[in-house]
PDB file of N, CA and C in Angstrom:
ATOM      1  N   MET A   1       0.964   7.844 -16.963  1.00  0.00           N
ATOM      2  CA  MET A   1       2.455   6.870 -17.235  1.00  0.00           C
ATOM      3  C   MET A   1       2.998   5.054 -17.752  1.00  0.00           C
ATOM      4  N   ALA A   2       3.510   5.006 -18.824  1.00  0.00           N
ATOM      5  CA  ALA A   2       3.793   3.730 -18.771  1.00  0.00           C
ATOM      6  C   ALA A   2       4.265   3.371 -18.230  1.00  0.00           C
ATOM      7  N   PHE A   3       5.414   4.266 -17.402  1.00  0.00           N
ATOM      8  CA  PHE A   3       7.038   3.998 -17.634  1.00  0.00           C
ATOM      9  C   PHE A   3       7.494   4.587 -15.992  1.00  0.00           C
ATOM     10  N   TRP A   4       7.505   4.003 -14.577  1.00  0.00           N
ATOM     11  CA  TRP A   4       8.249   4.405 -14.331  1.00  0.00           C
ATOM     12  C   TRP A   4      10.061   4.556 -13.431  1.00  0.00           C
ATOM     13  N   ASN A   5      10.207   4.948 -13.108  1.00  0.00           N
ATOM     14  CA  ASN A   5      11.265   4.958 -11.681  1.00  0.00           C
ATOM     15  C   ASN A   5      11.354   5.944 -11.246  1.00  0.00           C
ATOM     16  N   LEU A   6      11.354   5.358 -10.232  1.00  0.00           N
ATOM     17  CA  LEU A   6      11.336   5.574  -8.793  1.00  0.00           C
ATOM     18  C   LEU A   6      11.217   6.651  -8.063  1.00  0.00           C
ATOM     19  N   ALA A   7      12.833   6.096  -7.987  1.00  0.00           N
ATOM     20  CA  ALA A   7      13.832   7.448  -7.296  1.00  0.00           C
ATOM     21  C   ALA A   7      13.406   8.638  -8.301  1.00  0.00           C
ATOM     22  N   ALA A   8      12.908   9.419  -9.123  1.00  0.00           N
ATOM     23  CA  ALA A   8      12.080   9.982  -9.893  1.00  0.00           C
ATOM     24  C   ALA A   8      10.935  10.492 -10.187  1.00  0.00           C
ATOM     25  N   LEU A   9      10.233   9.985  -9.388  1.00  0.00           N
ATOM     26  CA  LEU A   9       8.618  10.595  -8.657  1.00  0.00           C
ATOM     27  C   LEU A   9       8.632  11.445  -8.520  1.00  0.00           C
ATOM     28  N   GLN A  10       7.462  12.133  -8.296  1.00  0.00           N
ATOM     29  CA  GLN A  10       7.229  13.658  -7.889  1.00  0.00           C
ATOM     30  C   GLN A  10       5.562  13.157  -7.188  1.00  0.00           C
ATOM     31  N   LEU A  11       6.153  13.222  -5.807  1.00  0.00           N
ATOM     32  CA  LEU A  11       5.323  12.477  -4.452  1.00  0.00           C
ATOM     33  C   LEU A  11       4.503  13.725  -4.114  1.00  0.00           C
ATOM     34  N   GLU A  12       2.680  13.279  -3.429  1.00  0.00           N
ATOM     35  CA  GLU A  12       2.312  14.389  -2.265  1.00  0.00           C
ATOM     36  C   GLU A  12       1.616  13.599  -1.359  1.00  0.00           C
ATOM     37  N   GLU A  13       1.446  14.474  -0.368  1.00  0.00           N
ATOM     38  CA  GLU A  13       0.754  13.655   0.993  1.00  0.00           C
ATOM     39  C   GLU A  13      -0.575  13.146   0.575  1.00  0.00           C
ATOM     40  N   PHE A  14      -0.651  11.985   0.727  1.00  0.00           N
ATOM     41  CA  PHE A  14      -1.600  11.500   0.911  1.00  0.00           C
ATOM     42  C   PHE A  14      -2.457  10.836   2.337  1.00  0.00           C
ATOM     43  N   ARG A  15      -1.869  11.005   3.451  1.00  0.00           N
ATOM     44  CA  ARG A  15      -2.194  11.035   5.083  1.00  0.00           C
ATOM     45  C   ARG A  15      -0.741  11.855   5.748  1.00  0.00           C
ATOM     46  N   PRO A  16      -1.842  12.042   6.579  1.00  0.00           N
ATOM     47  CA  PRO A  16       0.547  12.541   7.199  1.00  0.00           C
ATOM     48  C   PRO A  16       1.534  11.461   7.550  1.00  0.00           C
ATOM     49  N   GLY A  17       2.264  11.769   6.964  1.00  0.00           N
ATOM     50  CA  GLY A  17       3.476  10.605   7.488  1.00  0.00           C
ATOM     51  C   GLY A  17       3.606  10.101   5.967  1.00  0.00           C
ATOM     52  N   ILE A  18       2.547  10.167   4.685  1.00  0.00           N
ATOM     53  CA  ILE A  18       2.348   9.035   4.127  1.00  0.00           C
ATOM     54  C   ILE A  18       3.150   9.357   2.395  1.00  0.00           C
ATOM     55  N   MET A  19       3.445   9.508   1.881  1.00  0.00           N
ATOM     56  CA  MET A  19       3.464   9.991   0.801  1.00  0.00           C
ATOM     57  C   MET A  19       3.831   9.585  -0.907  1.00  0.00           C
ATOM     58  N   SER A  20       3.155   9.547  -1.533  1.00  0.00           N
ATOM     59  CA  SER A  20       2.632   9.092  -2.097  1.00  0.00           C
ATOM     60  C   SER A  20       2.943   9.513  -3.733  1.00  0.00           C
ATOM     61  N   THR A  21       2.168   8.334  -4.851  1.00  0.00           N
ATOM     62  CA  THR A  21       1.719   8.803  -6.783  1.00  0.00           C
ATOM     63  C   THR A  21       1.173   7.966  -7.030  1.00  0.00           C
ATOM     64  N   ALA A  22       0.057   7.995  -7.562  1.00  0.00           N
ATOM     65  CA  ALA A  22      -1.072   6.954  -8.347  1.00  0.00           C
ATOM     66  C   ALA A  22      -1.343   6.755  -9.089  1.00  0.00           C
ATOM     67  N   GLU A  23      -0.440   5.396 -10.168  1.00  0.00           N
ATOM     68  CA  GLU A  23      -0.844   4.888 -12.167  1.00  0.00           C
ATOM     69  C   GLU A  23      -2.704   4.758 -11.770  1.00  0.00           C
ATOM     70  N   VAL A  24      -3.749   5.521 -12.484  1.00  0.00           N
ATOM     71  CA  VAL A  24      -5.358   4.908 -12.182  1.00  0.00           C
ATOM     72  C   VAL A  24      -5.329   4.508 -13.402  1.00  0.00           C
ATOM     73  N   GLY A  25      -5.521   3.125 -14.251  1.00  0.00           N
ATOM     74  CA  GLY A  25      -6.003   3.276 -15.203  1.00  0.00           C
ATOM     75  C   GLY A  25      -7.454   2.247 -14.974  1.00  0.00           C
ATOM     76  N   ASN A  26      -7.596   1.804 -16.288  1.00  0.00           N
ATOM     77  CA  ASN A  26      -9.172   1.857 -16.268  1.00  0.00           C
ATOM     78  C   ASN A  26      -9.442   0.486 -15.856  1.00  0.00           C
ATOM     79  N   ASN A  27      -8.951  -0.141 -15.224  1.00  0.00           N
ATOM     80  CA  ASN A  27      -9.177  -1.568 -13.904  1.00  0.00           C
ATOM     81  C   ASN A  27      -8.323  -1.631 -12.455  1.00  0.00           C
ATOM     82  N   LEU A  28      -7.000  -1.318 -12.789  1.00  0.00           N
ATOM     83  CA  LEU A  28      -5.954  -0.844 -12.166  1.00  0.00           C
ATOM     84  C   LEU A  28      -5.713   0.146 -11.906  1.00  0.00           C
ATOM     85  N   ILE A  29      -5.012   0.106  -9.924  1.00  0.00           N
ATOM     86  CA  ILE A  29      -4.089   1.201  -9.689  1.00  0.00           C
ATOM     87  C   ILE A  29      -3.007   1.059  -8.857  1.00  0.00           C
ATOM     88  N   MET A  30      -2.502   1.806  -9.424  1.00  0.00           N
ATOM     89  CA  MET A  30      -0.782   1.706  -9.329  1.00  0.00           C
ATOM     90  C   MET A  30      -0.010   2.191  -7.987  1.00  0.00           C
ATOM     91  N   VAL A  31       0.719   2.052  -6.652  1.00  0.00           N
ATOM     92  CA  VAL A  31       0.780   3.253  -6.106  1.00  0.00           C
ATOM     93  C   VAL A  31       2.085   3.003  -5.123  1.00  0.00           C
ATOM     94  N   TYR A  32       2.481   4.046  -6.182  1.00  0.00           N
ATOM     95  CA  TYR A  32       4.178   4.159  -4.272  1.00  0.00           C
ATOM     96  C   TYR A  32       3.885   4.837  -3.539  1.00  0.00           C
ATOM     97  N   MET A  33       4.684   3.277  -1.947  1.00  0.00           N
ATOM     98  CA  MET A  33       3.944   4.870  -1.238  1.00  0.00           C
ATOM     99  C   MET A  33       5.120   4.639  -0.467  1.00  0.00           C
ATOM    100  N   GLU A  34       6.053   6.060   0.083  1.00  0.00           N
ATOM    101  CA  GLU A  34       6.655   5.847   1.378  1.00  0.00           C
ATOM    102  C   GLU A  34       5.769   6.384   2.643  1.00  0.00           C
ATOM    103  N   ILE A  35       5.980   4.901   3.709  1.00  0.00           N
ATOM    104  CA  ILE A  35       5.433   5.588   4.815  1.00  0.00           C
ATOM    105  C   ILE A  35       6.178   6.120   6.202  1.00  0.00           C
ATOM    106  N   GLY A  36       6.221   7.026   6.507  1.00  0.00           N
ATOM    107  CA  GLY A  36       7.367   7.740   7.808  1.00  0.00           C
ATOM    108  C   GLY A  36       7.706   6.702   8.603  1.00  0.00           C
ATOM    109  N   PRO A  37       8.356   7.015   9.786  1.00  0.00           N
ATOM    110  CA  PRO A  37       8.245   6.125  11.338  1.00  0.00           C
ATOM    111  C   PRO A  37       7.293   6.175  11.594  1.00  0.00           C
ATOM    112  N   LYS A  38       7.300   4.787  12.914  1.00  0.00           N
ATOM    113  CA  LYS A  38       6.471   5.045  13.683  1.00  0.00           C
ATOM    114  C   LYS A  38       5.283   4.893  13.143  1.00  0.00           C
ATOM    115  N   ARG A  39       4.602   4.911  11.876  1.00  0.00           N
ATOM    116  CA  ARG A  39       3.128   5.191  11.035  1.00  0.00           C
ATOM    117  C   ARG A  39       2.371   3.877  11.889  1.00  0.00           C
ATOM    118  N   LYS A  40       0.644   4.373  11.423  1.00  0.00           N
ATOM    119  CA  LYS A  40       0.433   3.486  11.942  1.00  0.00           C
ATOM    120  C   LYS A  40      -1.755   3.045  11.153  1.00  0.00           C
ATOM    121  N   ASP A  41      -1.357   2.014  10.713  1.00  0.00           N
ATOM    122  CA  ASP A  41      -2.910   2.219   9.947  1.00  0.00           C
ATOM    123  C   ASP A  41      -3.702   0.890  11.054  1.00  0.00           C
ATOM    124  N   ALA A  42      -4.863   2.011  11.777  1.00  0.00           N
ATOM    125  CA  ALA A  42      -5.739   1.191  12.619  1.00  0.00           C
ATOM    126  C   ALA A  42      -6.372   0.112  12.175  1.00  0.00           C
ATOM    127  N   GLY A  43      -6.747  -0.064  10.697  1.00  0.00           N
ATOM    128  CA  GLY A  43      -7.272  -0.830  10.359  1.00  0.00           C
ATOM    129  C   GLY A  43      -8.346  -1.046   9.506  1.00  0.00           C
ATOM    130  N   HIS A  44      -8.741  -1.747   8.469  1.00  0.00           N
ATOM    131  CA  HIS A  44      -9.609  -1.296   7.392  1.00  0.00           C
ATOM    132  C   HIS A  44      -9.861  -2.079   6.310  1.00  0.00           C
ATOM    133  N   GLU A  45     -11.250  -2.162   5.601  1.00  0.00           N
ATOM    134  CA  GLU A  45     -11.580  -2.963   4.129  1.00  0.00           C
ATOM    135  C   GLU A  45     -11.274  -2.597   3.540  1.00  0.00           C
ATOM    136  N   HIS A  46     -11.889  -3.240   2.450  1.00  0.00           N
ATOM    137  CA  HIS A  46     -12.485  -2.894   0.737  1.00  0.00           C
ATOM    138  C   HIS A  46     -12.806  -4.247   0.022  1.00  0.00           C
ATOM    139  N   PRO A  47     -14.161  -3.679  -0.464  1.00  0.00           N
ATOM    140  CA  PRO A  47     -14.382  -4.370  -1.825  1.00  0.00           C
ATOM    141  C   PRO A  47     -13.816  -4.810  -3.128  1.00  0.00           C
ATOM    142  N   PHE A  48     -12.451  -4.816  -2.806  1.00  0.00           N
ATOM    143  CA  PHE A  48     -11.728  -4.921  -3.784  1.00  0.00           C
ATOM    144  C   PHE A  48     -10.029  -5.785  -3.457  1.00  0.00           C
ATOM    145  N   ASP A  49      -9.784  -6.724  -4.402  1.00  0.00           N
ATOM    146  CA  ASP A  49      -8.028  -7.082  -4.144  1.00  0.00           C
ATOM    147  C   ASP A  49      -6.714  -6.190  -4.466  1.00  0.00           C
ATOM    148  N   GLN A  50      -5.688  -6.386  -3.251  1.00  0.00           N
ATOM    149  CA  GLN A  50      -4.727  -5.704  -3.020  1.00  0.00           C
ATOM    150  C   GLN A  50      -4.024  -6.028  -3.178  1.00  0.00           C
ATOM    151  N   CYS A  51      -2.749  -6.307  -4.055  1.00  0.00           N
ATOM    152  CA  CYS A  51      -0.727  -6.619  -2.908  1.00  0.00           C
ATOM    153  C   CYS A  51      -0.492  -5.584  -3.209  1.00  0.00           C
ATOM    154  N   GLY A  52       0.935  -5.774  -2.943  1.00  0.00           N
ATOM    155  CA  GLY A  52       2.175  -5.305  -2.841  1.00  0.00           C
ATOM    156  C   GLY A  52       3.420  -5.370  -3.021  1.00  0.00           C
ATOM    157  N   VAL A  53       4.654  -5.348  -2.397  1.00  0.00           N
ATOM    158  CA  VAL A  53       5.302  -5.978  -2.570  1.00  0.00           C
ATOM    159  C   VAL A  53       6.614  -4.620  -1.789  1.00  0.00           C
ATOM    160  N   ILE A  54       7.537  -5.212  -0.833  1.00  0.00           N
ATOM    161  CA  ILE A  54       7.983  -3.612   0.234  1.00  0.00           C
ATOM    162  C   ILE A  54       9.352  -3.926  -0.689  1.00  0.00           C
ATOM    163  N   LEU A  55       9.567  -2.956  -0.719  1.00  0.00           N
ATOM    164  CA  LEU A  55      10.534  -2.256  -1.466  1.00  0.00           C
ATOM    165  C   LEU A  55      12.177  -1.693  -0.735  1.00  0.00           C
ATOM    166  N   GLU A  56      11.904  -1.614   0.286  1.00  0.00           N
ATOM    167  CA  GLU A  56      12.770  -0.241   1.319  1.00  0.00           C
ATOM    168  C   GLU A  56      11.996  -0.462   2.341  1.00  0.00           C
ATOM    169  N   GLY A  57      12.567  -1.442   3.994  1.00  0.00           N
ATOM    170  CA  GLY A  57      12.829  -0.445   5.426  1.00  0.00           C
ATOM    171  C   GLY A  57      12.075  -2.551   5.884  1.00  0.00           C
ATOM    172  N   GLN A  58      10.917  -2.037   7.536  1.00  0.00           N
ATOM    173  CA  GLN A  58      10.191  -2.997   7.131  1.00  0.00           C
ATOM    174  C   GLN A  58       8.819  -2.959   7.807  1.00  0.00           C
ATOM    175  N   ILE A  59       7.950  -3.442   8.058  1.00  0.00           N
ATOM    176  CA  ILE A  59       6.151  -2.831   7.936  1.00  0.00           C
ATOM    177  C   ILE A  59       5.211  -4.169   9.239  1.00  0.00           C
ATOM    178  N   GLU A  60       5.296  -4.278   9.648  1.00  0.00           N
ATOM    179  CA  GLU A  60       3.966  -5.528  10.109  1.00  0.00           C
ATOM    180  C   GLU A  60       3.054  -5.105   9.867  1.00  0.00           C
ATOM    181  N   MET A  61       2.249  -6.858   8.990  1.00  0.00           N
ATOM    182  CA  MET A  61       0.762  -5.919   8.618  1.00  0.00           C
ATOM    183  C   MET A  61       0.210  -7.384   9.030  1.00  0.00           C
ATOM    184  N   VAL A  62      -1.499  -7.256   8.973  1.00  0.00           N
ATOM    185  CA  VAL A  62      -2.532  -8.185   9.966  1.00  0.00           C
ATOM    186  C   VAL A  62      -2.878  -7.948   8.835  1.00  0.00           C
ATOM    187  N   VAL A  63      -3.495  -9.668   8.205  1.00  0.00           N
ATOM    188  CA  VAL A  63      -4.565  -9.383   7.530  1.00  0.00           C
ATOM    189  C   VAL A  63      -4.794 -10.475   7.991  1.00  0.00           C
ATOM    190  N   GLY A  64      -6.544 -10.168   7.553  1.00  0.00           N
ATOM    191  CA  GLY A  64      -7.903 -11.526   8.420  1.00  0.00           C
ATOM    192  C   GLY A  64      -6.771 -11.288  10.288  1.00  0.00           C
ATOM    193  N   LYS A  65      -6.454 -12.441  10.266  1.00  0.00           N
ATOM    194  CA  LYS A  65      -5.863 -13.882  11.587  1.00  0.00           C
ATOM    195  C   LYS A  65      -4.674 -13.438  11.529  1.00  0.00           C
ATOM    196  N   GLU A  66      -4.503 -13.128  10.240  1.00  0.00           N
ATOM    197  CA  GLU A  66      -2.350 -13.423  10.507  1.00  0.00           C
ATOM    198  C   GLU A  66      -1.623 -12.339  10.345  1.00  0.00           C
ATOM    199  N   ARG A  67       0.035 -12.242  11.093  1.00  0.00           N
ATOM    200  CA  ARG A  67       0.488 -11.190  11.264  1.00  0.00           C
ATOM    201  C   ARG A  67       1.504 -11.444  10.618  1.00  0.00           C
ATOM    202  N   LYS A  68       2.067 -11.057   9.825  1.00  0.00           N
ATOM    203  CA  LYS A  68       3.373 -11.296   9.670  1.00  0.00           C
ATOM    204  C   LYS A  68       4.632  -9.766   9.317  1.00  0.00           C
ATOM    205  N   LEU A  69       5.612 -10.445  10.233  1.00  0.00           N
ATOM    206  CA  LEU A  69       7.018  -8.882   9.404  1.00  0.00           C
ATOM    207  C   LEU A  69       7.462  -8.915   8.379  1.00  0.00           C
ATOM    208  N   LEU A  70       7.593  -7.496   7.635  1.00  0.00           N
ATOM    209  CA  LEU A  70       7.758  -7.969   6.236  1.00  0.00           C
ATOM    210  C   LEU A  70       8.509  -7.508   6.262  1.00  0.00           C
ATOM    211  N   ASN A  71      10.223  -7.078   4.993  1.00  0.00           N
ATOM    212  CA  ASN A  71      11.135  -7.068   4.657  1.00  0.00           C
ATOM    213  C   ASN A  71      11.487  -6.340   3.453  1.00  0.00           C
ATOM    214  N   PRO A  72      12.256  -5.769   2.927  1.00  0.00           N
ATOM    215  CA  PRO A  72      12.323  -5.521   1.538  1.00  0.00           C
ATOM    216  C   PRO A  72      12.247  -6.647   0.950  1.00  0.00           C
ATOM    217  N   ASN A  73      11.550  -7.636  -0.439  1.00  0.00           N
ATOM    218  CA  ASN A  73      11.495  -8.177  -1.602  1.00  0.00           C
ATOM    219  C   ASN A  73      10.139  -9.081  -0.935  1.00  0.00           C
ATOM    220  N   ASP A  74       9.846  -8.548   0.285  1.00  0.00           N
ATOM    221  CA  ASP A  74       8.095  -9.180   0.714  1.00  0.00           C
ATOM    222  C   ASP A  74       7.026  -9.230  -0.101  1.00  0.00           C
ATOM    223  N   ALA A  75       5.821  -9.902  -0.749  1.00  0.00           N
ATOM    224  CA  ALA A  75       4.924  -9.308  -0.988  1.00  0.00           C
ATOM    225  C   ALA A  75       4.149  -9.651  -0.529  1.00  0.00           C
ATOM    226  N   TYR A  76       2.839  -9.232  -0.275  1.00  0.00           N
ATOM    227  CA  TYR A  76       1.828  -9.538   0.598  1.00  0.00           C
ATOM    228  C   TYR A  76      -0.148  -9.603  -0.400  1.00  0.00           C
ATOM    229  N   PHE A  77      -0.905 -10.158  -0.383  1.00  0.00           N
ATOM    230  CA  PHE A  77      -1.566 -10.034  -0.926  1.00  0.00           C
ATOM    231  C   PHE A  77      -3.345 -10.218  -0.080  1.00  0.00           C
ATOM    232  N   ILE A  78      -4.232  -8.748  -0.746  1.00  0.00           N
ATOM    233  CA  ILE A  78      -5.310  -9.064   0.328  1.00  0.00           C
ATOM    234  C   ILE A  78      -6.503  -9.443  -0.545  1.00  0.00           C
ATOM    235  N   SER A  79      -7.188  -9.824  -0.098  1.00  0.00           N
ATOM    236  CA  SER A  79      -9.014 -10.812  -0.594  1.00  0.00           C
ATOM    237  C   SER A  79      -9.353  -9.448  -0.033  1.00  0.00           C
ATOM    238  N   SER A  80     -10.191  -9.362  -2.190  1.00  0.00           N
ATOM    239  CA  SER A  80     -11.202  -8.455  -0.782  1.00  0.00           C
ATOM    240  C   SER A  80     -12.126  -8.830   0.076  1.00  0.00           C
ATOM    241  N   GLY A  81     -12.761  -7.574   1.140  1.00  0.00           N
ATOM    242  CA  GLY A  81     -12.912  -8.034   1.809  1.00  0.00           C
ATOM    243  C   GLY A  81     -12.870  -8.498   3.167  1.00  0.00           C
ATOM    244  N   GLU A  82     -11.358  -8.749   2.907  1.00  0.00           N
ATOM    245  CA  GLU A  82     -10.380  -9.101   3.840  1.00  0.00           C
ATOM    246  C   GLU A  82      -9.909  -7.485   5.110  1.00  0.00           C
ATOM    247  N   PRO A  83     -10.270  -7.916   5.855  1.00  0.00           N
ATOM    248  CA  PRO A  83      -9.675  -6.840   7.412  1.00  0.00           C
ATOM    249  C   PRO A  83      -8.114  -6.507   7.480  1.00  0.00           C
ATOM    250  N   HIS A  84      -7.503  -5.178   7.342  1.00  0.00           N
ATOM    251  CA  HIS A  84      -6.309  -5.334   7.113  1.00  0.00           C
ATOM    252  C   HIS A  84      -5.694  -4.532   8.012  1.00  0.00           C
ATOM    253  N   SER A  85      -4.512  -4.012   8.594  1.00  0.00           N
ATOM    254  CA  SER A  85      -3.912  -2.970   8.778  1.00  0.00           C
ATOM    255  C   SER A  85      -2.264  -2.998   8.585  1.00  0.00           C
ATOM    256  N   TRP A  86      -1.510  -2.318   9.018  1.00  0.00           N
ATOM    257  CA  TRP A  86      -0.010  -2.692   9.124  1.00  0.00           C
ATOM    258  C   TRP A  86       0.473  -1.738  10.667  1.00  0.00           C
ATOM    259  N   LYS A  87       1.745  -1.413  10.466  1.00  0.00           N
ATOM    260  CA  LYS A  87       1.891  -0.215  11.374  1.00  0.00           C
ATOM    261  C   LYS A  87       4.150  -0.312  11.217  1.00  0.00           C
ATOM    262  N   THR A  88       4.763   0.069  10.854  1.00  0.00           N
ATOM    263  CA  THR A  88       5.948   0.686  10.503  1.00  0.00           C
ATOM    264  C   THR A  88       6.949   1.550  12.260  1.00  0.00           C
ATOM    265  N   PHE A  89       8.070   0.835  12.145  1.00  0.00           N
ATOM    266  CA  PHE A  89       8.460   1.278  13.536  1.00  0.00           C
ATOM    267  C   PHE A  89       9.718   2.070  13.485  1.00  0.00           C
ATOM    268  N   ASP A  90      10.792   2.354  13.235  1.00  0.00           N
ATOM    269  CA  ASP A  90      11.915   3.564  12.599  1.00  0.00           C
ATOM    270  C   ASP A  90      12.610   4.070  11.847  1.00  0.00           C
ATOM    271  N   SER A  91      12.201   3.015  11.121  1.00  0.00           N
ATOM    272  CA  SER A  91      12.069   3.742   9.999  1.00  0.00           C
ATOM    273  C   SER A  91      11.671   3.786   8.550  1.00  0.00           C
ATOM    274  N   ARG A  92      12.107   4.717   7.151  1.00  0.00           N
ATOM    275  CA  ARG A  92      11.203   5.105   6.359  1.00  0.00           C
ATOM    276  C   ARG A  92      10.447   3.438   5.523  1.00  0.00           C
ATOM    277  N   VAL A  93       9.455   2.926   4.927  1.00  0.00           N
ATOM    278  CA  VAL A  93       9.492   2.128   4.336  1.00  0.00           C
ATOM    279  C   VAL A  93       8.503   2.171   2.575  1.00  0.00           C
ATOM    280  N   LYS A  94       9.310   1.754   2.337  1.00  0.00           N
ATOM    281  CA  LYS A  94       8.788   2.268   0.930  1.00  0.00           C
ATOM    282  C   LYS A  94       7.845   1.461  -0.024  1.00  0.00           C
ATOM    283  N   VAL A  95       6.920   1.069  -0.496  1.00  0.00           N
ATOM    284  CA  VAL A  95       5.945  -0.018  -0.895  1.00  0.00           C
ATOM    285  C   VAL A  95       4.917  -0.137  -2.663  1.00  0.00           C
ATOM    286  N   LEU A  96       5.419  -0.237  -3.062  1.00  0.00           N
ATOM    287  CA  LEU A  96       4.707  -1.137  -4.790  1.00  0.00           C
ATOM    288  C   LEU A  96       4.098  -1.734  -4.608  1.00  0.00           C
ATOM    289  N   ASP A  97       2.410  -0.682  -4.184  1.00  0.00           N
ATOM    290  CA  ASP A  97       1.178  -1.487  -4.366  1.00  0.00           C
ATOM    291  C   ASP A  97       0.239  -1.505  -5.760  1.00  0.00           C
ATOM    292  N   ILE A  98      -0.447  -2.610  -4.995  1.00  0.00           N
ATOM    293  CA  ILE A  98      -1.489  -2.717  -6.849  1.00  0.00           C
ATOM    294  C   ILE A  98      -3.267  -3.024  -6.245  1.00  0.00           C
ATOM    295  N   SER A  99      -4.268  -2.315  -6.776  1.00  0.00           N
ATOM    296  CA  SER A  99      -5.345  -2.991  -6.252  1.00  0.00           C
ATOM    297  C   SER A  99      -6.111  -2.744  -7.226  1.00  0.00           C
ATOM    298  N   LEU A 100      -7.576  -3.778  -7.141  1.00  0.00           N
ATOM    299  CA  LEU A 100      -8.431  -2.904  -9.103  1.00  0.00           C
ATOM    300  C   LEU A 100      -9.089  -1.201  -8.361  1.00  0.00           C
ATOM    301  N   LYS A 101      -9.005  -1.204  -9.221  1.00  0.00           N
ATOM    302  CA  LYS A 101     -10.110   0.087  -9.039  1.00  0.00           C
ATOM    303  C   LYS A 101     -11.575  -0.437  -8.753  1.00  0.00           C
ATOM    304  N   PRO A 102     -11.969   0.298  -7.738  1.00  0.00           N
ATOM    305  CA  PRO A 102     -12.783  -0.086  -6.689  1.00  0.00           C
ATOM    306  C   PRO A 102     -14.362   0.670  -8.419  1.00  0.00           C
ATOM    307  N   THR A 103     -15.435  -0.252  -8.691  1.00  0.00           N
ATOM    308  CA  THR A 103     -16.031   0.454  -9.350  1.00  0.00           C
ATOM    309  C   THR A 103     -17.420   1.158  -8.421  1.00  0.00           C
ATOM    310  N   PRO A 104     -17.744   2.186  -9.164  1.00  0.00           N
ATOM    311  CA  PRO A 104     -18.851   2.990  -8.479  1.00  0.00           C
ATOM    312  C   PRO A 104     -20.251   2.288  -8.499  1.00  0.00           C
ATOM    313  N   LYS A 105     -20.033   2.633  -7.052  1.00  0.00           N
ATOM    314  CA  LYS A 105     -21.661   1.957  -6.457  1.00  0.00           C
ATOM    315  C   LYS A 105     -23.360   2.699  -7.372  1.00  0.00           C
ATOM    316  N   VAL A 106     -24.103   1.862  -8.091  1.00  0.00           N
ATOM    317  CA  VAL A 106     -25.640   2.154  -8.968  1.00  0.00           C
ATOM    318  C   VAL A 106     -26.619   2.110  -7.708  1.00  0.00           C
ATOM    319  N   ALA A 107     -26.623   3.903  -8.154  1.00  0.00           N
ATOM    320  CA  ALA A 107     -28.524   3.357  -7.351  1.00  0.00           C
ATOM    321  C   ALA A 107     -29.215   2.862  -7.488  1.00  0.00           C
TER     322      ALA A 107
END
């Protein structure tokens, strides 16, 4: 799909408390997420760059050793291999997230 209207997207449960939809291209993945209140990601990393913008709500993100409270119109960038985590507070958070498509490992 070349165009999105965020208000009209059909969302599916990605993980408990996270509704999302994704567009997967040849090289990029664009994901719209609605993360419920009081949700938490304990931390992870992956071999591709990731970035995004907060559209609604408030989320605390940790990227490497840097911790930041993000609000609407704040953006983030996570370099490949950088450990990162997040948590939400008392309200839902809407995020538009973009990452490189992982390349399959060749045996």
